[in-house]
Protein backbone atom coordinates (compact mmCIF):
# COMPACT_ATOMS: atom_id res chain seq x y z
CA UNK A 1 51.78 2.73 38.89
CA UNK A 2 53.98 2.22 35.97
CA UNK A 3 53.58 4.08 32.73
CA UNK A 4 52.58 0.88 30.90
CA UNK A 5 49.72 0.22 33.30
CA UNK A 6 48.56 3.86 33.05
CA UNK A 7 48.64 3.62 29.25
CA UNK A 8 46.68 0.37 29.35
CA UNK A 9 44.02 1.86 31.63
CA UNK A 10 43.76 4.96 29.45
CA UNK A 11 43.34 2.77 26.36
CA UNK A 12 40.66 0.69 28.11
CA UNK A 13 38.80 3.83 29.23
CA UNK A 14 39.04 5.37 25.77
CA UNK A 15 37.72 2.16 24.19
CA UNK A 16 34.86 2.05 26.70
CA UNK A 17 33.91 5.66 26.07
CA UNK A 18 34.13 5.16 22.30
CA UNK A 19 32.05 1.99 22.54
CA UNK A 20 29.42 3.82 24.59
CA UNK A 21 29.28 6.71 22.12
CA UNK A 22 29.02 4.35 19.15
CA UNK A 23 26.35 2.30 20.92
CA UNK A 24 24.30 5.39 21.67
CA UNK A 25 24.70 6.61 18.09
CA UNK A 26 23.64 3.26 16.62
CA UNK A 27 20.67 3.12 19.00
CA UNK A 28 19.56 6.59 17.91
CA UNK A 29 19.90 5.72 14.23
CA UNK A 30 17.96 2.48 14.68
CA UNK A 31 15.20 4.24 16.63
CA UNK A 32 14.93 6.90 13.92
CA UNK A 33 14.77 4.30 11.15
CA UNK A 34 12.10 2.33 13.01
CA UNK A 35 10.02 5.47 13.55
CA UNK A 36 10.23 6.41 9.87
CA UNK A 37 9.27 2.87 8.84
CA UNK A 38 6.25 2.87 11.22
CA UNK A 39 5.06 6.25 9.95
CA UNK A 40 5.35 5.08 6.35
CA UNK A 41 3.51 1.84 7.15
CA UNK A 42 0.79 3.77 9.03
CA UNK A 43 0.28 5.98 5.98
CA UNK A 44 0.05 3.00 3.66
CA UNK A 45 -2.43 1.26 5.97
CA UNK A 46 -4.60 4.39 6.17
CA UNK A 47 -4.65 4.72 2.38
CA UNK A 48 -5.36 1.01 2.04
CA UNK A 49 -8.39 1.26 4.34
CA UNK A 50 -9.75 4.31 2.54
CA UNK A 51 -9.19 2.72 -0.86
CA UNK A 52 -10.84 -0.56 0.12
CA UNK A 53 -13.82 1.36 1.52
CA UNK A 54 -14.28 3.11 -1.83
CA UNK A 55 -14.03 -0.18 -3.69
CA UNK A 56 -16.46 -1.79 -1.30
CA UNK A 57 -19.00 0.94 -2.00
CA UNK A 58 -18.63 0.49 -5.73
CA UNK A 59 -18.79 -3.30 -5.47
CA UNK A 60 -22.03 -3.02 -3.55
CA UNK A 61 -23.62 -0.86 -6.18
CA UNK A 62 -21.68 -2.14 -9.25
CA UNK A 63 -21.48 1.31 -10.81
CA UNK A 64 -20.25 1.92 -14.37
CA UNK A 65 -16.84 2.89 -15.77
CA UNK A 66 -17.21 6.66 -15.57
CA UNK A 67 -17.95 6.33 -11.84
CA UNK A 68 -14.87 4.16 -11.43
CA UNK A 69 -12.65 6.79 -13.01
CA UNK A 70 -14.25 9.69 -11.16
CA UNK A 71 -14.31 8.05 -7.75
CA UNK A 72 -11.13 5.95 -7.65
CA UNK A 73 -8.55 7.59 -9.88
CA UNK A 74 -7.01 10.01 -7.34
CA UNK A 75 -6.78 7.31 -4.66
CA UNK A 76 -5.38 4.88 -7.21
CA UNK A 77 -2.66 7.33 -8.20
CA UNK A 78 -1.60 7.93 -4.57
CA UNK A 79 -1.73 4.28 -3.53
CA UNK A 80 0.18 3.05 -6.63
CA UNK A 81 3.25 5.01 -5.47
CA UNK A 82 3.61 2.63 -2.53
CA UNK A 83 4.00 -0.48 -4.70
CA UNK A 84 7.04 -2.00 -6.36
CA UNK A 85 8.02 -5.15 -8.20
CA UNK A 86 5.54 -7.99 -8.60
CA UNK A 87 2.87 -6.28 -6.50
CA UNK A 88 3.00 -3.23 -8.77
CA UNK A 89 2.72 -5.40 -11.89
CA UNK A 90 -0.24 -7.36 -10.44
CA UNK A 91 -1.89 -4.15 -9.25
CA UNK A 92 -1.49 -2.43 -12.64
CA UNK A 93 -2.95 -5.47 -14.38
CA UNK A 94 -6.00 -5.54 -12.07
CA UNK A 95 -6.46 -1.75 -12.30
CA UNK A 96 -6.24 -1.75 -16.09
CA UNK A 97 -8.64 -4.66 -16.31
CA UNK A 98 -11.17 -2.70 -14.25
CA UNK A 99 -10.50 0.68 -15.85
CA UNK A 100 -10.64 -0.66 -19.40
CA UNK A 101 -14.03 -2.30 -19.07
CA UNK A 102 -15.50 -1.82 -22.51
CA UNK A 103 -19.00 -0.61 -23.39
CA UNK A 104 -19.54 -3.99 -25.05
CA UNK A 105 -18.81 -5.70 -21.74
CA UNK A 106 -21.18 -3.31 -20.00
CA UNK A 107 -23.92 -4.24 -22.50
CA UNK A 108 -25.57 -0.84 -22.62
CA UNK A 109 -28.15 0.70 -20.30
CA UNK A 110 -30.34 -1.45 -18.12
CA UNK A 111 -33.74 -0.32 -16.98
CA UNK A 112 -34.88 -3.66 -15.58
CA UNK A 113 -33.03 -4.11 -12.30
CA UNK A 114 -33.75 -7.85 -12.34
CA UNK A 115 -32.56 -8.58 -15.88
CA UNK A 116 -30.02 -11.41 -16.33
CA UNK A 117 -27.84 -9.08 -18.44
CA UNK A 118 -27.58 -6.60 -15.59
CA UNK A 119 -26.64 -9.42 -13.22
CA UNK A 120 -23.86 -10.52 -15.63
CA UNK A 121 -22.47 -6.99 -15.80
CA UNK A 122 -22.62 -6.65 -12.03
CA UNK A 123 -20.78 -9.94 -11.56
CA UNK A 124 -18.14 -8.88 -14.10
CA UNK A 125 -17.51 -5.59 -12.30
CA UNK A 126 -17.63 -7.18 -8.86
CA UNK A 127 -15.03 -9.75 -9.96
CA UNK A 128 -12.75 -6.99 -11.21
CA UNK A 129 -13.21 -4.93 -8.04
CA UNK A 130 -12.51 -7.98 -5.92
CA UNK A 131 -9.27 -8.71 -7.82
CA UNK A 132 -8.11 -5.14 -7.16
CA UNK A 133 -9.17 -5.24 -3.49
CA UNK A 134 -7.32 -8.55 -2.98
CA UNK A 135 -4.04 -7.03 -4.18
CA UNK A 136 -4.56 -3.92 -2.04
CA UNK A 137 -5.23 -5.99 1.05
CA UNK A 138 -2.02 -8.00 0.53
CA UNK A 139 0.05 -4.81 0.48
C-alpha cells in the first residue's frame, strides 16, 4: 500500500475512535443529567404529595390561622424553594392570602358548630386552601 492510502486509513480509524469516544462521553453525560432530573422531580413530587395531604387535612377541618402557621410553615418553606417565575409569584400570593387571614375575617370564636358565621369562615378558609393546593398540584 502506498503511504497516502495508509495515511487515509489511519485518519479514518482515528476519526472513528474519536467519534466513538465522544459518543460514549455524550451518552454518559446525558444519562447523568437525566438521572439528576428524575431524582429532583421525584423529590418535588414527594413534597407535593405530603404538602397536599396536610392541606387536605386542614381543609377538611377548616382550622384557624395559628394551626396553619404551625402545621404548614416548614413544608411551605421547603416546597417554595422548588418554584420560580410566575409559579412562585402565584404561590406566594396564595400563601400570603391564606397566612394573612385576619381575625376580623375569622369573626371570633364559634361555639355553635351549625352557625352561618362559622360556615362562612370555613368556606373562606377552604377557598384559600384550595387556591394554594391548585398551584401546588400544577407544579
